């Protein structure tokens, strides 16, 4: 496992196990939300899952990736 994969790990304590029926009852109805509101909710939930501040997310380490031109 690389240093980068150790740095950002999913916080499995942020969730709880439940049945499909319980999850269906627990789920909010987001159908009336705009796409911007749904995106904001998903960003917030991601920040909870990975344990970072939603207002100050971690920067992407761009040194991991490389690009090259096909010849």
PDB file of N, CA and C in Angstrom:
ATOM      1  N   UNK A   1       0.847  -1.179   0.000  1.00  0.00           N
ATOM      2  CA  UNK A   1       0.000   0.000   0.000  1.00  0.00           C
ATOM      3  C   UNK A   1       0.890   1.239   0.000  1.00  0.00           C
ATOM      4  N   UNK A   2       0.620   2.174  -0.892  1.00  0.00           N
ATOM      5  CA  UNK A   2       1.441   3.378  -0.988  1.00  0.00           C
ATOM      6  C   UNK A   2       1.097   4.360   0.127  1.00  0.00           C
ATOM      7  N   UNK A   3       1.977   5.353   0.306  1.00  0.00           N
ATOM      8  CA  UNK A   3       1.742   6.381   1.318  1.00  0.00           C
ATOM      9  C   UNK A   3       0.474   7.159   1.035  1.00  0.00           C
ATOM     10  N   UNK A   4       0.160   7.336  -0.246  1.00  0.00           N
ATOM     11  CA  UNK A   4      -1.011   8.122  -0.620  1.00  0.00           C
ATOM     12  C   UNK A   4      -2.295   7.401  -0.245  1.00  0.00           C
ATOM     13  N   UNK A   5      -2.351   6.090  -0.425  1.00  0.00           N
ATOM     14  CA  UNK A   5      -3.574   5.362  -0.087  1.00  0.00           C
ATOM     15  C   UNK A   5      -3.751   5.262   1.417  1.00  0.00           C
ATOM     16  N   UNK A   6      -2.677   5.363   2.185  1.00  0.00           N
ATOM     17  CA  UNK A   6      -2.795   5.363   3.641  1.00  0.00           C
ATOM     18  C   UNK A   6      -3.315   6.711   4.144  1.00  0.00           C
ATOM     19  N   UNK A   7      -3.019   7.775   3.416  1.00  0.00           N
ATOM     20  CA  UNK A   7      -3.371   9.124   3.854  1.00  0.00           C
ATOM     21  C   UNK A   7      -4.873   9.370   3.811  1.00  0.00           C
ATOM     22  N   UNK A   8      -5.537   8.936   2.755  1.00  0.00           N
ATOM     23  CA  UNK A   8      -6.969   9.170   2.595  1.00  0.00           C
ATOM     24  C   UNK A   8      -7.693   7.837   2.647  1.00  0.00           C
ATOM     25  N   UNK A   9      -8.308   7.564   3.771  1.00  0.00           N
ATOM     26  CA  UNK A   9      -9.017   6.308   3.971  1.00  0.00           C
ATOM     27  C   UNK A   9     -10.479   6.609   4.277  1.00  0.00           C
ATOM     28  N   UNK A  10     -11.371   5.724   3.865  1.00  0.00           N
ATOM     29  CA  UNK A  10     -12.791   5.862   4.136  1.00  0.00           C
ATOM     30  C   UNK A  10     -13.032   5.639   5.622  1.00  0.00           C
ATOM     31  N   UNK A  11     -13.716   6.574   6.278  1.00  0.00           N
ATOM     32  CA  UNK A  11     -14.043   6.449   7.696  1.00  0.00           C
ATOM     33  C   UNK A  11     -15.283   5.570   7.820  1.00  0.00           C
ATOM     34  N   UNK A  12     -15.081   4.299   8.113  1.00  0.00           N
ATOM     35  CA  UNK A  12     -16.192   3.345   8.164  1.00  0.00           C
ATOM     36  C   UNK A  12     -17.049   3.507   9.412  1.00  0.00           C
ATOM     37  N   UNK A  13     -16.610   4.328  10.373  1.00  0.00           N
ATOM     38  CA  UNK A  13     -17.416   4.566  11.570  1.00  0.00           C
ATOM     39  C   UNK A  13     -18.501   5.610  11.316  1.00  0.00           C
ATOM     40  N   UNK A  14     -18.478   6.278  10.175  1.00  0.00           N
ATOM     41  CA  UNK A  14     -19.462   7.318   9.867  1.00  0.00           C
ATOM     42  C   UNK A  14     -20.796   6.734   9.420  1.00  0.00           C
ATOM     43  N   UNK A  15     -20.847   5.433   9.204  1.00  0.00           N
ATOM     44  CA  UNK A  15     -22.054   4.792   8.696  1.00  0.00           C
ATOM     45  C   UNK A  15     -22.504   3.698   9.646  1.00  0.00           C
ATOM     46  N   UNK A  16     -23.722   3.251   9.477  1.00  0.00           N
ATOM     47  CA  UNK A  16     -24.208   2.135  10.284  1.00  0.00           C
ATOM     48  C   UNK A  16     -24.885   1.120   9.373  1.00  0.00           C
ATOM     49  N   UNK A  17     -24.780  -0.140   9.755  1.00  0.00           N
ATOM     50  CA  UNK A  17     -25.406  -1.205   8.979  1.00  0.00           C
ATOM     51  C   UNK A  17     -26.907  -1.200   9.234  1.00  0.00           C
ATOM     52  N   UNK A  18     -27.697  -1.385   8.177  1.00  0.00           N
ATOM     53  CA  UNK A  18     -29.149  -1.444   8.315  1.00  0.00           C
ATOM     54  C   UNK A  18     -29.719  -2.253   7.163  1.00  0.00           C
ATOM     55  N   UNK A  19     -30.946  -2.691   7.353  1.00  0.00           N
ATOM     56  CA  UNK A  19     -31.604  -3.468   6.306  1.00  0.00           C
ATOM     57  C   UNK A  19     -32.026  -2.553   5.167  1.00  0.00           C
ATOM     58  N   UNK A  20     -32.416  -3.133   4.059  1.00  0.00           N
ATOM     59  CA  UNK A  20     -32.872  -2.350   2.909  1.00  0.00           C
ATOM     60  C   UNK A  20     -34.115  -1.551   3.288  1.00  0.00           C
ATOM     61  N   UNK A  21     -35.007  -2.157   4.039  1.00  0.00           N
ATOM     62  CA  UNK A  21     -36.231  -1.474   4.460  1.00  0.00           C
ATOM     63  C   UNK A  21     -35.916  -0.283   5.368  1.00  0.00           C
ATOM     64  N   UNK A  22     -34.977  -0.488   6.316  1.00  0.00           N
ATOM     65  CA  UNK A  22     -34.585   0.606   7.207  1.00  0.00           C
ATOM     66  C   UNK A  22     -33.930   1.733   6.419  1.00  0.00           C
ATOM     67  N   UNK A  23     -33.085   1.374   5.479  1.00  0.00           N
ATOM     68  CA  UNK A  23     -32.417   2.384   4.660  1.00  0.00           C
ATOM     69  C   UNK A  23     -33.431   3.152   3.821  1.00  0.00           C
ATOM     70  N   UNK A  24     -34.433   2.468   3.303  1.00  0.00           N
ATOM     71  CA  UNK A  24     -35.475   3.123   2.515  1.00  0.00           C
ATOM     72  C   UNK A  24     -36.261   4.099   3.375  1.00  0.00           C
ATOM     73  N   UNK A  25     -36.582   3.712   4.606  1.00  0.00           N
ATOM     74  CA  UNK A  25     -37.295   4.606   5.519  1.00  0.00           C
ATOM     75  C   UNK A  25     -36.424   5.782   5.944  1.00  0.00           C
ATOM     76  N   UNK A  26     -35.135   5.532   6.093  1.00  0.00           N
ATOM     77  CA  UNK A  26     -34.193   6.535   6.571  1.00  0.00           C
ATOM     78  C   UNK A  26     -33.822   7.546   5.487  1.00  0.00           C
ATOM     79  N   UNK A  27     -33.902   7.133   4.249  1.00  0.00           N
ATOM     80  CA  UNK A  27     -33.461   7.954   3.118  1.00  0.00           C
ATOM     81  C   UNK A  27     -34.337   9.181   2.948  1.00  0.00           C
ATOM     82  N   UNK A  28     -33.713  10.322   2.746  1.00  0.00           N
ATOM     83  CA  UNK A  28     -34.458  11.546   2.448  1.00  0.00           C
ATOM     84  C   UNK A  28     -34.901  11.518   1.002  1.00  0.00           C
ATOM     85  N   UNK A  29     -35.947  12.264   0.717  1.00  0.00           N
ATOM     86  CA  UNK A  29     -36.417  12.391  -0.661  1.00  0.00           C
ATOM     87  C   UNK A  29     -35.727  13.606  -1.276  1.00  0.00           C
ATOM     88  N   UNK A  30     -34.744  13.360  -2.133  1.00  0.00           N
ATOM     89  CA  UNK A  30     -33.984  14.438  -2.767  1.00  0.00           C
ATOM     90  C   UNK A  30     -34.546  14.796  -4.143  1.00  0.00           C
ATOM     91  N   UNK A  31     -35.685  14.250  -4.509  1.00  0.00           N
ATOM     92  CA  UNK A  31     -36.210  14.492  -5.851  1.00  0.00           C
ATOM     93  C   UNK A  31     -36.605  15.950  -6.080  1.00  0.00           C
ATOM     94  N   UNK A  32     -36.928  16.670  -5.019  1.00  0.00           N
ATOM     95  CA  UNK A  32     -37.311  18.078  -5.168  1.00  0.00           C
ATOM     96  C   UNK A  32     -36.120  19.029  -5.068  1.00  0.00           C
ATOM     97  N   UNK A  33     -34.918  18.496  -4.833  1.00  0.00           N
ATOM     98  CA  UNK A  33     -33.720  19.317  -4.735  1.00  0.00           C
ATOM     99  C   UNK A  33     -33.198  19.608  -6.140  1.00  0.00           C
ATOM    100  N   UNK A  34     -32.585  20.764  -6.307  1.00  0.00           N
ATOM    101  CA  UNK A  34     -31.941  21.083  -7.587  1.00  0.00           C
ATOM    102  C   UNK A  34     -30.651  20.270  -7.690  1.00  0.00           C
ATOM    103  N   UNK A  35     -30.067  20.204  -8.882  1.00  0.00           N
ATOM    104  CA  UNK A  35     -28.831  19.445  -9.042  1.00  0.00           C
ATOM    105  C   UNK A  35     -27.703  20.071  -8.235  1.00  0.00           C
ATOM    106  N   UNK A  36     -27.749  21.396  -8.054  1.00  0.00           N
ATOM    107  CA  UNK A  36     -26.722  22.066  -7.257  1.00  0.00           C
ATOM    108  C   UNK A  36     -26.840  21.695  -5.784  1.00  0.00           C
ATOM    109  N   UNK A  37     -28.078  21.613  -5.285  1.00  0.00           N
ATOM    110  CA  UNK A  37     -28.288  21.225  -3.895  1.00  0.00           C
ATOM    111  C   UNK A  37     -27.868  19.772  -3.661  1.00  0.00           C
ATOM    112  N   UNK A  38     -28.183  18.888  -4.625  1.00  0.00           N
ATOM    113  CA  UNK A  38     -27.783  17.478  -4.504  1.00  0.00           C
ATOM    114  C   UNK A  38     -26.272  17.334  -4.547  1.00  0.00           C
ATOM    115  N   UNK A  39     -25.605  18.141  -5.370  1.00  0.00           N
ATOM    116  CA  UNK A  39     -24.146  18.116  -5.434  1.00  0.00           C
ATOM    117  C   UNK A  39     -23.539  18.581  -4.115  1.00  0.00           C
ATOM    118  N   UNK A  40     -24.131  19.605  -3.522  1.00  0.00           N
ATOM    119  CA  UNK A  40     -23.656  20.110  -2.233  1.00  0.00           C
ATOM    120  C   UNK A  40     -23.810  19.046  -1.142  1.00  0.00           C
ATOM    121  N   UNK A  41     -24.935  18.332  -1.148  1.00  0.00           N
ATOM    122  CA  UNK A  41     -25.168  17.252  -0.185  1.00  0.00           C
ATOM    123  C   UNK A  41     -24.146  16.134  -0.384  1.00  0.00           C
ATOM    124  N   UNK A  42     -23.887  15.764  -1.640  1.00  0.00           N
ATOM    125  CA  UNK A  42     -22.932  14.689  -1.898  1.00  0.00           C
ATOM    126  C   UNK A  42     -21.515  15.094  -1.477  1.00  0.00           C
ATOM    127  N   UNK A  43     -21.157  16.349  -1.671  1.00  0.00           N
ATOM    128  CA  UNK A  43     -19.844  16.838  -1.234  1.00  0.00           C
ATOM    129  C   UNK A  43     -19.736  16.764   0.292  1.00  0.00           C
ATOM    130  N   UNK A  44     -20.805  17.151   0.975  1.00  0.00           N
ATOM    131  CA  UNK A  44     -20.819  17.102   2.437  1.00  0.00           C
ATOM    132  C   UNK A  44     -20.691  15.659   2.939  1.00  0.00           C
ATOM    133  N   UNK A  45     -21.439  14.736   2.335  1.00  0.00           N
ATOM    134  CA  UNK A  45     -21.374  13.334   2.749  1.00  0.00           C
ATOM    135  C   UNK A  45     -19.996  12.738   2.469  1.00  0.00           C
ATOM    136  N   UNK A  46     -19.386  13.123   1.362  1.00  0.00           N
ATOM    137  CA  UNK A  46     -18.032  12.660   1.050  1.00  0.00           C
ATOM    138  C   UNK A  46     -17.046  13.167   2.093  1.00  0.00           C
ATOM    139  N   UNK A  47     -17.209  14.420   2.506  1.00  0.00           N
ATOM    140  CA  UNK A  47     -16.310  14.976   3.522  1.00  0.00           C
ATOM    141  C   UNK A  47     -16.466  14.234   4.843  1.00  0.00           C
ATOM    142  N   UNK A  48     -17.682  13.835   5.183  1.00  0.00           N
ATOM    143  CA  UNK A  48     -17.886  13.043   6.404  1.00  0.00           C
ATOM    144  C   UNK A  48     -17.234  11.675   6.284  1.00  0.00           C
ATOM    145  N   UNK A  49     -17.424  11.037   5.143  1.00  0.00           N
ATOM    146  CA  UNK A  49     -16.902   9.681   4.946  1.00  0.00           C
ATOM    147  C   UNK A  49     -15.374   9.648   4.993  1.00  0.00           C
ATOM    148  N   UNK A  50     -14.719  10.663   4.415  1.00  0.00           N
ATOM    149  CA  UNK A  50     -13.261  10.673   4.355  1.00  0.00           C
ATOM    150  C   UNK A  50     -12.624  11.526   5.440  1.00  0.00           C
ATOM    151  N   UNK A  51     -13.454  12.161   6.275  1.00  0.00           N
ATOM    152  CA  UNK A  51     -12.940  12.899   7.431  1.00  0.00           C
ATOM    153  C   UNK A  51     -12.175  14.160   7.114  1.00  0.00           C
ATOM    154  N   UNK A  52     -12.642  14.955   6.133  1.00  0.00           N
ATOM    155  CA  UNK A  52     -12.006  16.246   5.869  1.00  0.00           C
ATOM    156  C   UNK A  52     -13.032  17.355   5.997  1.00  0.00           C
ATOM    157  N   UNK A  53     -12.556  18.568   6.202  1.00  0.00           N
ATOM    158  CA  UNK A  53     -13.413  19.735   6.336  1.00  0.00           C
ATOM    159  C   UNK A  53     -14.010  20.063   4.973  1.00  0.00           C
ATOM    160  N   UNK A  54     -15.326  20.103   4.882  1.00  0.00           N
ATOM    161  CA  UNK A  54     -15.997  20.355   3.601  1.00  0.00           C
ATOM    162  C   UNK A  54     -15.656  21.731   3.034  1.00  0.00           C
ATOM    163  N   UNK A  55     -15.377  22.701   3.909  1.00  0.00           N
ATOM    164  CA  UNK A  55     -15.038  24.045   3.442  1.00  0.00           C
ATOM    165  C   UNK A  55     -13.571  24.173   3.017  1.00  0.00           C
ATOM    166  N   UNK A  56     -12.736  23.231   3.457  1.00  0.00           N
ATOM    167  CA  UNK A  56     -11.307  23.248   3.112  1.00  0.00           C
ATOM    168  C   UNK A  56     -10.856  21.830   2.751  1.00  0.00           C
ATOM    169  N   UNK A  57     -11.294  21.328   1.586  1.00  0.00           N
ATOM    170  CA  UNK A  57     -10.924  19.957   1.205  1.00  0.00           C
ATOM    171  C   UNK A  57      -9.428  19.854   0.914  1.00  0.00           C
ATOM    172  N   UNK A  58      -8.871  18.645   1.029  1.00  0.00           N
ATOM    173  CA  UNK A  58      -7.445  18.473   0.742  1.00  0.00           C
ATOM    174  C   UNK A  58      -7.156  18.708  -0.738  1.00  0.00           C
ATOM    175  N   UNK A  59      -5.965  19.190  -1.013  1.00  0.00           N
ATOM    176  CA  UNK A  59      -5.546  19.421  -2.402  1.00  0.00           C
ATOM    177  C   UNK A  59      -5.186  18.086  -3.054  1.00  0.00           C
ATOM    178  N   UNK A  60      -5.436  17.985  -4.339  1.00  0.00           N
ATOM    179  CA  UNK A  60      -5.061  16.788  -5.082  1.00  0.00           C
ATOM    180  C   UNK A  60      -3.550  16.770  -5.282  1.00  0.00           C
ATOM    181  N   UNK A  61      -2.940  15.627  -5.014  1.00  0.00           N
ATOM    182  CA  UNK A  61      -1.504  15.476  -5.236  1.00  0.00           C
ATOM    183  C   UNK A  61      -1.297  15.158  -6.716  1.00  0.00           C
ATOM    184  N   UNK A  62      -0.956  16.146  -7.487  1.00  0.00           N
ATOM    185  CA  UNK A  62      -0.829  15.983  -8.939  1.00  0.00           C
ATOM    186  C   UNK A  62       0.495  15.357  -9.351  1.00  0.00           C
ATOM    187  N   UNK A  63       1.366  15.095  -8.378  1.00  0.00           N
ATOM    188  CA  UNK A  63       2.639  14.447  -8.716  1.00  0.00           C
ATOM    189  C   UNK A  63       2.462  12.954  -8.931  1.00  0.00           C
ATOM    190  N   UNK A  64       1.326  12.394  -8.544  1.00  0.00           N
ATOM    191  CA  UNK A  64       1.066  10.959  -8.711  1.00  0.00           C
ATOM    192  C   UNK A  64       0.806  10.626 -10.163  1.00  0.00           C
ATOM    193  N   UNK A  65       0.188  11.534 -10.886  1.00  0.00           N
ATOM    194  CA  UNK A  65      -0.232  11.287 -12.245  1.00  0.00           C
ATOM    195  C   UNK A  65       0.793  11.805 -13.244  1.00  0.00           C
ATOM    196  N   UNK A  66       0.806  11.169 -14.413  1.00  0.00           N
ATOM    197  CA  UNK A  66       1.679  11.648 -15.481  1.00  0.00           C
ATOM    198  C   UNK A  66       0.923  11.533 -16.798  1.00  0.00           C
ATOM    199  N   UNK A  67       1.347  12.285 -17.761  1.00  0.00           N
ATOM    200  CA  UNK A  67       0.721  12.224 -19.076  1.00  0.00           C
ATOM    201  C   UNK A  67       1.811  12.106 -20.123  1.00  0.00           C
ATOM    202  N   UNK A  68       1.482  11.451 -21.174  1.00  0.00           N
ATOM    203  CA  UNK A  68       2.420  11.333 -22.281  1.00  0.00           C
ATOM    204  C   UNK A  68       1.646  11.292 -23.595  1.00  0.00           C
ATOM    205  N   UNK A  69       2.302  11.657 -24.647  1.00  0.00           N
ATOM    206  CA  UNK A  69       1.674  11.705 -25.955  1.00  0.00           C
ATOM    207  C   UNK A  69       1.932  10.394 -26.691  1.00  0.00           C
ATOM    208  N   UNK A  70       0.876   9.829 -27.281  1.00  0.00           N
ATOM    209  CA  UNK A  70       1.044   8.626 -28.069  1.00  0.00           C
ATOM    210  C   UNK A  70       1.772   8.960 -29.373  1.00  0.00           C
ATOM    211  N   UNK A  71       2.686   8.111 -29.770  1.00  0.00           N
ATOM    212  CA  UNK A  71       3.418   8.387 -31.000  1.00  0.00           C
ATOM    213  C   UNK A  71       2.854   7.650 -32.198  1.00  0.00           C
TER     214      UNK A  71
END
